[in-house]
Amino acid sequence: YMQECITDRGFAYRGRVSKTKSEKICQKWTSSVPHEHRNTPADFPEKGLDLNYCRNPDNHENGPWCYTTDWHTRLEDCGIARCDQ
């Protein structure tokens, strides 16, 4: 069973949401196209940076986010509901 909601800031979230709150598709964490970044599974294996799933590797206050496949939007929050809502 995998929860599709977050607790706290969602640092431990390991669900399968792969779109942002505005429905942009998430870029794979292993890819640097269209947006280069340093958050890779190889560099941070403990952060669950799987495929293109929303994660919160930096414990951002808005919760899980991802880099997007949209050239004009580098990253965006995923808008995942809190488990207590």
Protein backbone atom coordinates (compact mmCIF):
# COMPACT_ATOMS: atom_id res chain seq x y z
CA TYR A 1 0.00 0.00 0.00
CA MET A 2 1.39 3.37 -1.03
CA GLN A 3 -0.09 6.60 0.25
CA GLU A 4 -0.84 9.28 -2.33
CA CYS A 5 -0.86 12.01 0.30
CA ILE A 6 1.84 13.73 2.32
CA THR A 7 2.60 14.31 5.96
CA ASP A 8 4.58 17.33 7.11
CA ARG A 9 6.42 18.69 4.05
CA GLY A 10 6.32 15.40 2.16
CA PHE A 11 10.05 14.67 2.47
CA ALA A 12 9.27 10.95 2.86
CA TYR A 13 6.63 10.87 0.08
CA ARG A 14 7.23 7.92 -2.29
CA GLY A 15 3.99 7.92 -4.27
CA ARG A 16 3.62 7.88 -8.04
CA VAL A 17 2.28 11.33 -8.90
CA SER A 18 4.26 12.57 -11.92
CA LYS A 19 2.45 15.78 -12.89
CA THR A 20 2.55 19.21 -11.33
CA LYS A 21 -0.43 21.08 -9.91
CA SER A 22 -0.92 22.70 -13.33
CA GLU A 23 -0.73 19.28 -15.08
CA LYS A 24 2.79 19.68 -16.48
CA ILE A 25 4.59 16.35 -16.92
CA CYS A 26 7.57 15.86 -14.65
CA GLN A 27 11.06 15.45 -16.09
CA LYS A 28 12.91 12.26 -15.15
CA TRP A 29 15.34 12.78 -12.28
CA THR A 30 18.05 11.07 -14.37
CA SER A 31 17.60 13.55 -17.22
CA SER A 32 19.11 17.00 -17.65
CA VAL A 33 16.79 17.94 -20.53
CA PRO A 34 15.14 20.36 -20.72
CA HIS A 35 16.41 21.50 -17.29
CA GLU A 36 19.88 20.81 -15.92
CA HIS A 37 20.01 20.06 -12.20
CA ARG A 38 22.04 18.38 -9.48
CA ASN A 39 19.27 16.31 -7.86
CA THR A 40 20.06 12.92 -9.35
CA PRO A 41 19.42 9.42 -7.98
CA ALA A 42 23.13 8.65 -8.30
CA ASP A 43 24.08 11.61 -6.11
CA PHE A 44 21.20 11.24 -3.63
CA PRO A 45 20.12 7.56 -3.54
CA GLU A 46 18.38 8.01 -0.17
CA LYS A 47 15.91 10.60 -1.50
CA GLY A 48 13.77 8.29 -3.65
CA LEU A 49 14.33 10.14 -6.92
CA ASP A 50 12.62 7.47 -9.01
CA LEU A 51 11.58 7.89 -12.64
CA ASN A 52 9.73 11.22 -12.91
CA TYR A 53 7.78 11.06 -9.65
CA CYS A 54 7.21 14.14 -7.52
CA ARG A 55 9.60 14.30 -4.59
CA ASN A 56 10.83 16.79 -2.03
CA PRO A 57 14.59 16.17 -1.89
CA ASP A 58 15.32 19.57 -0.33
CA ASN A 59 12.41 19.50 2.18
CA HIS A 60 10.79 22.53 0.52
CA GLU A 61 7.95 24.05 2.53
CA ASN A 62 5.43 23.61 -0.33
CA GLY A 63 5.92 19.85 -0.44
CA PRO A 64 6.82 17.52 -3.32
CA TRP A 65 7.79 19.11 -6.61
CA CYS A 66 9.55 18.20 -9.84
CA TYR A 67 11.42 19.67 -12.76
CA THR A 68 9.02 19.87 -15.67
CA THR A 69 9.28 18.86 -19.32
CA ASP A 70 8.07 22.35 -20.23
CA TRP A 71 11.01 24.43 -21.46
CA HIS A 72 9.41 27.56 -19.96
CA THR A 73 8.79 26.16 -16.46
CA ARG A 74 11.87 24.86 -14.65
CA LEU A 75 10.10 23.36 -11.64
CA GLU A 76 6.71 23.38 -9.98
CA ASP A 77 4.98 22.01 -6.90
CA CYS A 78 2.83 18.93 -7.43
CA GLY A 79 -0.05 19.97 -5.18
CA ILE A 80 -0.29 16.60 -3.43
CA ALA A 81 -2.97 16.56 -0.74
CA ARG A 82 -2.05 16.30 2.93
CA CYS A 83 -3.03 13.01 4.58
CA ASP A 84 -5.02 14.87 7.26
CA GLN A 85 -7.26 16.66 4.72
